[in-house]
N, C-alpha and C. Protein backbone atom coordinates (compact mmCIF):
# COMPACT_ATOMS: atom_id res chain seq x y z
N MET A 1 19.37 -14.44 20.71
CA MET A 1 17.98 -14.38 20.25
C MET A 1 17.93 -13.70 18.89
N PRO A 2 18.35 -14.36 17.83
CA PRO A 2 18.38 -13.73 16.51
C PRO A 2 16.98 -13.53 15.97
N PRO A 3 16.79 -12.54 15.10
CA PRO A 3 15.49 -12.38 14.45
C PRO A 3 15.12 -13.65 13.71
N SER A 4 13.83 -13.97 13.72
CA SER A 4 13.39 -15.20 13.07
C SER A 4 13.45 -15.05 11.56
N ASP A 5 13.45 -16.22 10.87
CA ASP A 5 13.44 -16.19 9.41
C ASP A 5 12.21 -15.46 8.90
N SER A 6 11.07 -15.65 9.58
CA SER A 6 9.84 -15.01 9.11
C SER A 6 9.92 -13.50 9.25
N MET A 7 10.66 -13.04 10.26
CA MET A 7 10.83 -11.59 10.40
C MET A 7 11.68 -11.04 9.25
N TYR A 8 12.77 -11.73 8.92
CA TYR A 8 13.59 -11.29 7.80
C TYR A 8 12.78 -11.23 6.51
N LEU A 9 11.94 -12.24 6.30
CA LEU A 9 11.14 -12.28 5.08
C LEU A 9 10.11 -11.16 5.06
N ALA A 10 9.65 -10.74 6.24
CA ALA A 10 8.67 -9.66 6.30
C ALA A 10 9.28 -8.30 6.00
N LEU A 11 10.58 -8.19 6.17
CA LEU A 11 11.25 -6.92 5.92
C LEU A 11 11.48 -6.72 4.42
N ALA A 12 11.39 -5.47 3.99
CA ALA A 12 11.79 -5.14 2.63
C ALA A 12 13.28 -5.38 2.48
N PRO A 13 13.74 -5.80 1.30
CA PRO A 13 15.17 -6.08 1.12
C PRO A 13 16.09 -4.95 1.58
N ALA A 14 15.67 -3.70 1.38
CA ALA A 14 16.53 -2.57 1.75
C ALA A 14 16.77 -2.49 3.25
N PHE A 15 15.93 -3.15 4.03
CA PHE A 15 16.06 -3.07 5.49
C PHE A 15 16.72 -4.31 6.09
N ARG A 16 16.83 -5.37 5.33
CA ARG A 16 17.33 -6.62 5.92
C ARG A 16 18.76 -6.52 6.40
N SER A 17 19.55 -5.71 5.74
CA SER A 17 20.96 -5.57 6.15
C SER A 17 21.14 -4.58 7.30
N LEU A 18 20.05 -3.91 7.70
CA LEU A 18 20.16 -2.87 8.72
C LEU A 18 19.87 -3.38 10.13
N ILE A 19 19.32 -4.58 10.23
CA ILE A 19 18.99 -5.07 11.56
C ILE A 19 19.95 -6.18 11.96
N TYR A 20 19.97 -6.48 13.23
CA TYR A 20 20.86 -7.50 13.78
C TYR A 20 20.16 -8.18 14.94
N PRO A 21 20.74 -9.26 15.46
CA PRO A 21 20.09 -9.95 16.58
C PRO A 21 19.79 -8.99 17.72
N PRO A 22 18.58 -9.06 18.29
CA PRO A 22 18.21 -8.13 19.36
C PRO A 22 19.20 -8.16 20.52
N ARG A 23 19.51 -6.99 21.02
CA ARG A 23 20.39 -6.88 22.18
C ARG A 23 19.73 -5.96 23.20
N PRO A 24 20.04 -6.13 24.48
CA PRO A 24 19.52 -5.19 25.49
C PRO A 24 20.09 -3.80 25.22
N PRO A 25 19.40 -2.75 25.61
CA PRO A 25 19.94 -1.41 25.43
C PRO A 25 21.17 -1.19 26.30
N THR A 26 22.06 -0.35 25.84
CA THR A 26 23.19 0.06 26.67
C THR A 26 22.67 0.90 27.84
N GLN A 27 23.53 1.17 28.79
CA GLN A 27 23.11 2.01 29.92
C GLN A 27 22.64 3.38 29.45
N ALA A 28 23.36 3.95 28.50
CA ALA A 28 22.99 5.27 27.99
C ALA A 28 21.64 5.22 27.28
N GLU A 29 21.44 4.19 26.46
CA GLU A 29 20.16 4.04 25.77
C GLU A 29 19.03 3.84 26.76
N ASP A 30 19.27 3.00 27.75
CA ASP A 30 18.24 2.72 28.75
C ASP A 30 17.87 3.99 29.52
N ARG A 31 18.87 4.78 29.89
CA ARG A 31 18.59 6.03 30.59
C ARG A 31 17.74 6.95 29.73
N HIS A 32 18.05 7.00 28.45
CA HIS A 32 17.29 7.86 27.54
C HIS A 32 15.84 7.39 27.47
N TYR A 33 15.62 6.08 27.29
CA TYR A 33 14.26 5.56 27.22
C TYR A 33 13.49 5.84 28.50
N GLN A 34 14.16 5.71 29.64
CA GLN A 34 13.51 5.93 30.93
C GLN A 34 13.09 7.40 31.09
N VAL A 35 13.89 8.30 30.52
CA VAL A 35 13.57 9.72 30.60
C VAL A 35 12.41 10.08 29.67
N VAL A 36 12.43 9.55 28.47
CA VAL A 36 11.44 9.93 27.46
C VAL A 36 10.10 9.26 27.70
N PHE A 37 10.11 7.97 28.02
CA PHE A 37 8.87 7.20 28.14
C PHE A 37 8.61 6.85 29.61
N PRO A 38 7.45 7.21 30.15
CA PRO A 38 7.18 6.94 31.56
C PRO A 38 7.18 5.46 31.93
N ASN A 39 6.72 4.60 31.02
CA ASN A 39 6.65 3.17 31.30
C ASN A 39 7.20 2.37 30.11
N PRO A 40 8.51 2.42 29.92
CA PRO A 40 9.08 1.84 28.70
C PRO A 40 9.08 0.31 28.65
N GLY A 41 8.96 -0.36 29.78
CA GLY A 41 9.01 -1.81 29.75
C GLY A 41 10.35 -2.29 29.22
N LYS A 42 10.34 -3.46 28.58
CA LYS A 42 11.57 -4.04 28.05
C LYS A 42 11.76 -3.65 26.59
N PHE A 43 12.89 -3.06 26.31
CA PHE A 43 13.29 -2.72 24.94
C PHE A 43 14.41 -3.65 24.51
N TYR A 44 14.43 -3.97 23.22
CA TYR A 44 15.58 -4.65 22.63
C TYR A 44 15.94 -3.89 21.36
N VAL A 45 17.18 -3.57 21.22
CA VAL A 45 17.64 -2.81 20.06
C VAL A 45 17.94 -3.77 18.92
N ILE A 46 17.41 -3.48 17.75
CA ILE A 46 17.64 -4.35 16.58
C ILE A 46 18.23 -3.60 15.40
N GLY A 47 18.40 -2.28 15.51
CA GLY A 47 18.98 -1.53 14.40
C GLY A 47 19.62 -0.25 14.89
N ASN A 48 20.69 0.15 14.22
CA ASN A 48 21.46 1.32 14.65
C ASN A 48 20.71 2.62 14.39
N LEU A 49 21.15 3.67 15.09
CA LEU A 49 20.59 4.99 14.84
C LEU A 49 20.91 5.41 13.41
N SER A 50 20.02 6.21 12.84
CA SER A 50 20.20 6.66 11.47
C SER A 50 19.33 7.88 11.21
N HIS A 51 19.89 8.86 10.49
CA HIS A 51 19.13 10.02 10.06
C HIS A 51 18.53 9.81 8.67
N ARG A 52 18.78 8.67 8.07
CA ARG A 52 18.40 8.47 6.67
C ARG A 52 16.96 8.00 6.50
N TYR A 53 16.32 7.55 7.57
CA TYR A 53 14.92 7.16 7.48
C TYR A 53 14.29 7.33 8.85
N ASN A 54 12.95 7.44 8.87
CA ASN A 54 12.25 7.71 10.12
C ASN A 54 11.25 6.59 10.42
N CYS A 55 10.40 6.84 11.41
CA CYS A 55 9.46 5.80 11.84
C CYS A 55 8.46 5.43 10.75
N LEU A 56 8.02 6.39 9.96
CA LEU A 56 7.07 6.09 8.90
C LEU A 56 7.71 5.25 7.81
N ALA A 57 8.93 5.59 7.43
CA ALA A 57 9.64 4.79 6.43
C ALA A 57 9.81 3.36 6.92
N TRP A 58 10.14 3.20 8.21
CA TRP A 58 10.26 1.85 8.78
C TRP A 58 8.91 1.14 8.76
N ALA A 59 7.84 1.85 9.11
CA ALA A 59 6.52 1.22 9.20
C ALA A 59 6.05 0.69 7.86
N VAL A 60 6.23 1.46 6.79
CA VAL A 60 5.77 1.01 5.47
C VAL A 60 6.88 0.32 4.69
N GLN A 61 8.09 0.22 5.29
CA GLN A 61 9.22 -0.47 4.68
C GLN A 61 9.60 0.12 3.33
N VAL A 62 9.67 1.44 3.32
CA VAL A 62 10.15 2.17 2.14
C VAL A 62 11.23 3.11 2.63
N LYS A 63 12.47 2.78 2.33
CA LYS A 63 13.57 3.51 2.94
C LYS A 63 13.66 4.94 2.47
N LEU A 64 13.36 5.19 1.20
CA LEU A 64 13.51 6.53 0.65
C LEU A 64 12.13 7.15 0.43
N LEU A 65 11.70 7.95 1.38
CA LEU A 65 10.47 8.72 1.24
C LEU A 65 10.84 10.17 0.96
N PRO A 66 9.99 10.89 0.23
CA PRO A 66 10.25 12.32 0.08
C PRO A 66 10.39 12.98 1.45
N THR A 67 11.31 13.91 1.58
CA THR A 67 11.56 14.53 2.87
C THR A 67 10.47 15.55 3.21
N GLY A 68 10.39 15.89 4.47
CA GLY A 68 9.42 16.88 4.92
C GLY A 68 8.64 16.39 6.12
N ASP A 69 8.05 17.34 6.83
CA ASP A 69 7.30 17.00 8.03
C ASP A 69 5.81 16.85 7.79
N HIS A 70 5.37 16.95 6.53
CA HIS A 70 3.93 16.91 6.28
C HIS A 70 3.32 15.56 6.63
N TYR A 71 4.15 14.51 6.75
CA TYR A 71 3.64 13.19 7.13
C TYR A 71 3.07 13.20 8.55
N PHE A 72 3.32 14.25 9.29
CA PHE A 72 2.87 14.33 10.66
C PHE A 72 1.92 15.51 10.88
N ASP A 73 1.56 16.22 9.81
CA ASP A 73 0.69 17.37 9.94
C ASP A 73 -0.74 16.95 10.24
N ALA A 74 -1.43 17.79 11.02
CA ALA A 74 -2.86 17.58 11.22
C ALA A 74 -3.57 17.77 9.88
N GLY A 75 -4.48 16.88 9.56
CA GLY A 75 -5.22 16.99 8.32
C GLY A 75 -4.57 16.30 7.14
N TRP A 76 -3.34 15.79 7.31
CA TRP A 76 -2.70 15.06 6.21
C TRP A 76 -3.47 13.80 5.91
N ASP A 77 -3.55 13.43 4.65
CA ASP A 77 -4.32 12.26 4.22
C ASP A 77 -3.53 10.99 4.47
N VAL A 78 -3.47 10.58 5.73
CA VAL A 78 -2.72 9.38 6.08
C VAL A 78 -3.36 8.15 5.49
N VAL A 79 -4.69 8.14 5.35
CA VAL A 79 -5.38 6.98 4.78
C VAL A 79 -4.98 6.78 3.33
N GLY A 80 -4.98 7.87 2.56
CA GLY A 80 -4.59 7.76 1.16
C GLY A 80 -3.15 7.34 1.00
N PHE A 81 -2.27 7.86 1.85
CA PHE A 81 -0.86 7.48 1.80
C PHE A 81 -0.71 5.99 2.10
N MET A 82 -1.31 5.52 3.17
CA MET A 82 -1.18 4.11 3.54
C MET A 82 -1.76 3.19 2.47
N ALA A 83 -2.82 3.64 1.81
CA ALA A 83 -3.42 2.83 0.75
C ALA A 83 -2.42 2.56 -0.37
N ARG A 84 -1.54 3.53 -0.65
CA ARG A 84 -0.56 3.33 -1.71
C ARG A 84 0.42 2.22 -1.37
N TYR A 85 0.54 1.89 -0.09
CA TYR A 85 1.47 0.84 0.33
C TYR A 85 0.74 -0.42 0.80
N GLY A 86 -0.54 -0.52 0.44
CA GLY A 86 -1.28 -1.75 0.70
C GLY A 86 -1.89 -1.87 2.07
N TYR A 87 -2.14 -0.74 2.75
CA TYR A 87 -2.73 -0.76 4.08
C TYR A 87 -4.08 -0.05 4.07
N ARG A 88 -4.99 -0.51 4.91
CA ARG A 88 -6.26 0.16 5.11
C ARG A 88 -6.50 0.35 6.60
N PRO A 89 -7.31 1.34 7.00
CA PRO A 89 -7.60 1.53 8.42
C PRO A 89 -8.46 0.41 8.96
N THR A 90 -8.28 0.09 10.21
CA THR A 90 -9.11 -0.90 10.89
C THR A 90 -9.43 -0.41 12.29
N GLN A 91 -10.63 -0.72 12.76
CA GLN A 91 -11.00 -0.42 14.13
C GLN A 91 -10.53 -1.50 15.09
N ASP A 92 -10.14 -2.65 14.55
CA ASP A 92 -9.77 -3.80 15.37
C ASP A 92 -8.28 -3.76 15.70
N ALA A 93 -7.96 -3.43 16.94
CA ALA A 93 -6.55 -3.31 17.34
C ALA A 93 -5.82 -4.64 17.21
N ASP A 94 -6.54 -5.75 17.35
CA ASP A 94 -5.88 -7.06 17.28
C ASP A 94 -5.42 -7.39 15.86
N LEU A 95 -6.03 -6.79 14.87
CA LEU A 95 -5.66 -7.06 13.47
C LEU A 95 -4.53 -6.15 12.99
N ALA A 96 -4.21 -5.14 13.75
CA ALA A 96 -3.33 -4.07 13.27
C ALA A 96 -1.93 -4.56 12.95
N ASP A 97 -1.39 -4.05 11.84
CA ASP A 97 0.02 -4.23 11.49
C ASP A 97 0.81 -2.95 11.74
N ILE A 98 0.13 -1.82 11.72
CA ILE A 98 0.76 -0.52 12.02
C ILE A 98 -0.13 0.20 13.03
N ASP A 99 0.49 0.72 14.08
CA ASP A 99 -0.20 1.62 15.01
C ASP A 99 0.22 3.04 14.71
N VAL A 100 -0.75 3.95 14.77
CA VAL A 100 -0.50 5.37 14.59
C VAL A 100 -0.61 6.04 15.96
N TRP A 101 0.37 6.86 16.28
CA TRP A 101 0.44 7.53 17.57
C TRP A 101 0.25 9.03 17.40
N GLY A 102 -0.38 9.66 18.38
CA GLY A 102 -0.53 11.10 18.31
C GLY A 102 -1.29 11.66 19.49
N GLU A 103 -1.60 12.95 19.38
CA GLU A 103 -2.31 13.65 20.44
C GLU A 103 -3.34 14.59 19.84
N TRP A 104 -4.43 14.76 20.58
CA TRP A 104 -5.47 15.69 20.18
C TRP A 104 -4.99 17.11 20.41
N ASN A 105 -5.16 17.97 19.41
CA ASN A 105 -4.78 19.36 19.53
C ASN A 105 -6.04 20.20 19.61
N ALA A 106 -6.26 20.83 20.77
CA ALA A 106 -7.49 21.58 20.99
C ALA A 106 -7.59 22.78 20.06
N MET A 107 -6.46 23.37 19.70
CA MET A 107 -6.50 24.55 18.85
C MET A 107 -6.94 24.22 17.43
N SER A 108 -6.36 23.16 16.87
CA SER A 108 -6.72 22.78 15.49
C SER A 108 -7.93 21.86 15.44
N GLN A 109 -8.33 21.32 16.60
CA GLN A 109 -9.43 20.35 16.67
C GLN A 109 -9.17 19.14 15.78
N ARG A 110 -7.92 18.72 15.76
CA ARG A 110 -7.52 17.55 15.00
C ARG A 110 -6.48 16.77 15.80
N TYR A 111 -6.30 15.51 15.38
CA TYR A 111 -5.19 14.76 15.93
C TYR A 111 -3.91 15.12 15.19
N HIS A 112 -2.84 15.29 15.93
CA HIS A 112 -1.52 15.51 15.35
C HIS A 112 -0.74 14.20 15.49
N ILE A 113 -0.38 13.63 14.36
CA ILE A 113 0.35 12.36 14.37
C ILE A 113 1.79 12.60 14.81
N GLN A 114 2.28 11.71 15.68
CA GLN A 114 3.63 11.85 16.21
C GLN A 114 4.53 10.66 15.87
N HIS A 115 3.95 9.50 15.57
CA HIS A 115 4.79 8.31 15.44
C HIS A 115 4.00 7.19 14.77
N TYR A 116 4.76 6.25 14.19
CA TYR A 116 4.18 5.03 13.61
C TYR A 116 5.01 3.84 14.09
N SER A 117 4.35 2.77 14.49
CA SER A 117 5.06 1.55 14.88
C SER A 117 4.56 0.39 14.04
N LEU A 118 5.41 -0.61 13.85
CA LEU A 118 5.16 -1.72 12.93
C LEU A 118 5.25 -3.04 13.67
N LYS A 119 4.27 -3.91 13.42
CA LYS A 119 4.30 -5.25 13.99
C LYS A 119 5.01 -6.19 13.02
N LEU A 120 6.04 -6.85 13.51
CA LEU A 120 6.80 -7.80 12.71
C LEU A 120 6.87 -9.13 13.47
N ASP A 121 6.42 -10.18 12.81
CA ASP A 121 6.50 -11.51 13.41
C ASP A 121 5.86 -11.52 14.80
N GLY A 122 4.77 -10.78 14.95
CA GLY A 122 4.05 -10.74 16.21
C GLY A 122 4.63 -9.81 17.25
N LYS A 123 5.71 -9.09 16.94
CA LYS A 123 6.35 -8.19 17.89
C LYS A 123 6.27 -6.76 17.37
N TRP A 124 6.11 -5.82 18.29
CA TRP A 124 6.02 -4.40 17.89
C TRP A 124 7.40 -3.78 17.83
N THR A 125 7.62 -3.06 16.76
CA THR A 125 8.92 -2.43 16.50
C THR A 125 8.72 -0.97 16.15
N SER A 126 9.76 -0.18 16.39
CA SER A 126 9.71 1.24 16.05
C SER A 126 11.10 1.74 15.70
N LYS A 127 11.13 2.68 14.78
CA LYS A 127 12.32 3.51 14.55
C LYS A 127 12.10 4.78 15.36
N LEU A 128 12.92 4.99 16.37
CA LEU A 128 12.70 6.09 17.31
C LEU A 128 13.35 7.38 16.79
N GLY A 129 12.65 8.03 15.87
CA GLY A 129 13.20 9.25 15.27
C GLY A 129 14.47 8.94 14.52
N SER A 130 15.55 9.64 14.86
CA SER A 130 16.85 9.35 14.25
C SER A 130 17.65 8.34 15.06
N LEU A 131 17.03 7.81 16.12
CA LEU A 131 17.73 6.86 16.99
C LEU A 131 17.54 5.44 16.49
N GLU A 132 17.57 4.49 17.40
CA GLU A 132 17.63 3.08 17.03
C GLU A 132 16.27 2.53 16.59
N VAL A 133 16.33 1.35 15.98
CA VAL A 133 15.14 0.52 15.76
C VAL A 133 15.07 -0.45 16.93
N VAL A 134 13.87 -0.57 17.52
CA VAL A 134 13.74 -1.38 18.72
C VAL A 134 12.52 -2.28 18.66
N PHE A 135 12.61 -3.42 19.38
CA PHE A 135 11.43 -4.16 19.80
C PHE A 135 10.91 -3.48 21.05
N HIS A 136 9.59 -3.38 21.21
CA HIS A 136 9.04 -2.81 22.43
C HIS A 136 7.65 -3.38 22.70
N GLU A 137 7.24 -3.32 23.94
CA GLU A 137 5.87 -3.68 24.27
C GLU A 137 4.94 -2.68 23.60
N ARG A 138 3.75 -3.14 23.25
CA ARG A 138 2.90 -2.32 22.40
C ARG A 138 2.63 -0.94 22.98
N GLY A 139 2.34 -0.85 24.25
CA GLY A 139 2.00 0.43 24.84
C GLY A 139 3.17 1.16 25.47
N ALA A 140 4.39 0.71 25.21
CA ALA A 140 5.55 1.25 25.91
C ALA A 140 5.88 2.69 25.55
N LEU A 141 5.39 3.17 24.40
CA LEU A 141 5.78 4.49 23.93
C LEU A 141 4.80 5.58 24.33
N VAL A 142 3.77 5.23 25.10
CA VAL A 142 2.81 6.24 25.55
C VAL A 142 3.54 7.33 26.32
N CYS A 143 3.38 8.56 25.86
CA CYS A 143 4.10 9.65 26.49
C CYS A 143 3.46 10.99 26.10
N PRO A 144 2.68 11.59 26.99
CA PRO A 144 2.09 12.90 26.68
C PRO A 144 3.17 13.92 26.33
N GLY A 145 2.91 14.67 25.26
CA GLY A 145 3.87 15.68 24.83
C GLY A 145 4.96 15.16 23.94
N HIS A 146 5.00 13.84 23.71
CA HIS A 146 6.03 13.28 22.83
C HIS A 146 5.35 12.44 21.74
N TYR A 147 5.13 11.15 21.96
CA TYR A 147 4.41 10.35 20.98
C TYR A 147 2.91 10.31 21.26
N GLY A 148 2.50 10.76 22.45
CA GLY A 148 1.08 10.70 22.78
C GLY A 148 0.65 9.28 23.09
N THR A 149 -0.43 8.86 22.45
CA THR A 149 -0.94 7.51 22.64
C THR A 149 -1.39 6.95 21.29
N ILE A 150 -1.78 5.70 21.26
CA ILE A 150 -2.22 5.09 20.00
C ILE A 150 -3.58 5.66 19.63
N ILE A 151 -3.66 6.22 18.43
CA ILE A 151 -4.91 6.85 17.99
C ILE A 151 -5.52 6.17 16.77
N GLY A 152 -4.83 5.20 16.20
CA GLY A 152 -5.36 4.53 15.02
C GLY A 152 -4.55 3.32 14.64
N HIS A 153 -5.13 2.51 13.75
CA HIS A 153 -4.49 1.27 13.33
C HIS A 153 -4.67 1.08 11.82
N PHE A 154 -3.69 0.42 11.21
CA PHE A 154 -3.79 0.01 9.81
C PHE A 154 -3.43 -1.46 9.70
N VAL A 155 -4.09 -2.14 8.78
CA VAL A 155 -3.83 -3.55 8.54
C VAL A 155 -3.39 -3.73 7.09
N LYS A 156 -2.44 -4.61 6.88
CA LYS A 156 -1.96 -4.90 5.53
C LYS A 156 -2.98 -5.75 4.81
N CYS A 157 -3.40 -5.30 3.65
CA CYS A 157 -4.43 -6.05 2.93
C CYS A 157 -4.19 -6.07 1.43
N GLY A 158 -3.02 -5.66 1.00
CA GLY A 158 -2.75 -5.68 -0.43
C GLY A 158 -1.30 -5.35 -0.68
N GLU A 159 -0.96 -5.28 -1.93
CA GLU A 159 0.40 -4.94 -2.33
C GLU A 159 0.48 -3.45 -2.64
N PRO A 160 1.68 -2.86 -2.56
CA PRO A 160 1.82 -1.44 -2.90
C PRO A 160 1.20 -1.12 -4.24
N GLY A 161 0.44 -0.04 -4.29
CA GLY A 161 -0.21 0.39 -5.52
C GLY A 161 -1.64 -0.07 -5.64
N GLU A 162 -2.06 -1.08 -4.85
CA GLU A 162 -3.44 -1.52 -4.89
C GLU A 162 -4.30 -0.57 -4.06
N SER A 163 -5.52 -0.36 -4.51
CA SER A 163 -6.44 0.49 -3.75
C SER A 163 -6.99 -0.28 -2.57
N THR A 164 -6.83 0.26 -1.37
CA THR A 164 -7.31 -0.41 -0.18
C THR A 164 -8.29 0.45 0.62
N THR A 165 -8.49 1.70 0.21
CA THR A 165 -9.37 2.58 0.94
C THR A 165 -10.82 2.24 0.63
N PRO A 166 -11.67 2.05 1.64
CA PRO A 166 -13.08 1.76 1.37
C PRO A 166 -13.69 2.83 0.48
N PRO A 167 -14.53 2.43 -0.49
CA PRO A 167 -15.07 3.39 -1.45
C PRO A 167 -15.91 4.48 -0.80
N ASP A 168 -16.51 4.22 0.38
CA ASP A 168 -17.35 5.21 1.02
C ASP A 168 -16.60 6.01 2.08
N TYR A 169 -15.28 5.92 2.05
CA TYR A 169 -14.46 6.59 3.06
C TYR A 169 -14.31 8.05 2.67
N THR A 170 -15.04 8.94 3.35
CA THR A 170 -15.05 10.33 2.95
C THR A 170 -14.69 11.30 4.07
N VAL A 171 -14.47 10.83 5.29
CA VAL A 171 -14.16 11.73 6.39
C VAL A 171 -12.79 11.44 6.93
N PRO A 172 -12.17 12.41 7.63
CA PRO A 172 -10.83 12.17 8.19
C PRO A 172 -10.80 10.93 9.06
N TYR A 173 -9.66 10.29 9.08
CA TYR A 173 -9.51 9.01 9.77
C TYR A 173 -9.92 9.09 11.23
N HIS A 174 -9.51 10.15 11.93
CA HIS A 174 -9.78 10.18 13.36
C HIS A 174 -11.27 10.25 13.66
N GLU A 175 -12.11 10.69 12.69
CA GLU A 175 -13.53 10.76 12.94
C GLU A 175 -14.20 9.39 12.87
N HIS A 176 -13.47 8.38 12.43
CA HIS A 176 -13.98 7.01 12.48
C HIS A 176 -13.67 6.34 13.81
N ARG A 177 -12.91 7.02 14.65
CA ARG A 177 -12.47 6.43 15.90
C ARG A 177 -13.39 6.81 17.04
N CYS A 178 -13.53 5.96 18.02
CA CYS A 178 -14.29 6.32 19.20
C CYS A 178 -13.85 5.49 20.38
N ARG A 179 -14.26 5.91 21.59
CA ARG A 179 -13.85 5.21 22.80
C ARG A 179 -14.58 3.88 22.95
N VAL A 180 -15.65 3.70 22.22
CA VAL A 180 -16.40 2.45 22.32
C VAL A 180 -15.77 1.34 21.50
N CYS A 181 -15.26 1.67 20.31
CA CYS A 181 -14.88 0.61 19.38
C CYS A 181 -13.39 0.61 19.05
N THR A 182 -12.54 1.12 19.93
CA THR A 182 -11.12 1.08 19.62
C THR A 182 -10.54 -0.31 19.75
N GLY A 183 -11.07 -1.10 20.67
CA GLY A 183 -10.54 -2.44 20.87
C GLY A 183 -9.23 -2.45 21.62
N GLY A 184 -8.71 -1.29 21.99
CA GLY A 184 -7.42 -1.25 22.64
C GLY A 184 -7.44 -0.71 24.06
N GLY A 185 -8.63 -0.32 24.54
CA GLY A 185 -8.71 0.18 25.88
C GLY A 185 -7.95 1.45 26.13
N HIS A 186 -7.84 2.31 25.12
CA HIS A 186 -7.07 3.54 25.28
C HIS A 186 -7.79 4.49 26.22
N ALA A 187 -7.06 5.13 27.10
CA ALA A 187 -7.65 6.03 28.08
C ALA A 187 -8.01 7.38 27.48
N GLU A 188 -7.28 7.79 26.46
CA GLU A 188 -7.51 9.11 25.88
C GLU A 188 -8.75 9.09 24.99
N PRO A 189 -9.57 10.15 25.02
CA PRO A 189 -10.68 10.23 24.09
C PRO A 189 -10.16 10.33 22.66
N LEU A 190 -10.78 9.57 21.77
CA LEU A 190 -10.25 9.50 20.41
C LEU A 190 -11.11 10.23 19.39
N VAL A 191 -12.22 10.78 19.83
CA VAL A 191 -13.01 11.64 18.95
C VAL A 191 -13.55 12.78 19.79
N ASP A 192 -14.15 13.76 19.13
CA ASP A 192 -14.71 14.86 19.89
C ASP A 192 -15.96 14.40 20.63
N PRO A 193 -16.40 15.12 21.65
CA PRO A 193 -17.52 14.67 22.48
C PRO A 193 -18.80 14.40 21.73
N VAL A 194 -19.09 15.20 20.69
CA VAL A 194 -20.35 15.01 19.94
C VAL A 194 -20.34 13.65 19.24
N LEU A 195 -19.24 13.33 18.54
CA LEU A 195 -19.15 12.05 17.86
C LEU A 195 -19.18 10.91 18.85
N ASP A 196 -18.54 11.09 20.00
CA ASP A 196 -18.51 10.06 21.02
C ASP A 196 -19.93 9.75 21.50
N MET A 197 -20.72 10.80 21.71
CA MET A 197 -22.11 10.62 22.17
C MET A 197 -22.93 9.96 21.09
N GLN A 198 -22.69 10.30 19.83
CA GLN A 198 -23.43 9.68 18.74
C GLN A 198 -23.17 8.18 18.69
N CYS A 199 -21.91 7.80 18.89
CA CYS A 199 -21.58 6.39 18.86
C CYS A 199 -22.28 5.65 19.99
N LYS A 200 -22.39 6.29 21.14
CA LYS A 200 -23.03 5.66 22.29
C LYS A 200 -24.55 5.71 22.22
N GLY A 201 -25.10 6.30 21.16
CA GLY A 201 -26.54 6.37 21.02
C GLY A 201 -27.19 7.37 21.96
N MET A 202 -26.43 8.39 22.37
CA MET A 202 -26.94 9.34 23.35
C MET A 202 -27.51 10.58 22.68
N THR A 203 -27.43 10.65 21.35
CA THR A 203 -28.01 11.81 20.66
C THR A 203 -28.94 11.33 19.56
């Protein structure tokens, strides 16, 4: 089951030599996935483990990103960053090319981003930290205390360097999210209770 030609074309040139025909996980890999993810479903490995790039680099297809953990900090301008690579936020889960994963932090009252996954040729893929690149079912990575759940989506709408952020976009990304309009049926609340009530017309 080799990757399709359209998948190769969707990859940045720097990544095309890093993937190979999907294979089932080894026993060791499968055991690891079963331990980390409560409902991993079917995984197929398409790229070797590597410390040289992470899930965000894979998602935006830029192999060399400046190092640091600020890409996952609460309050980081993920919308502005994604805009530089031709992506804008969308409430429509069906349109998404990138899913953002994370968990609500009661202390900071913000979402803490934990992971990014990329849709390629209609299939969801992830670079699992320093481990492999895999095909996975969309919701397979849900895991409290690790990747959390899907908290946001981005859609490709331009080329790197083009402005894609809506001109009236002035609040943090997670404040545009709500349990009514996620389109993904996520069980976790995606905004604070006040905003959720406002969306439902209860205030």
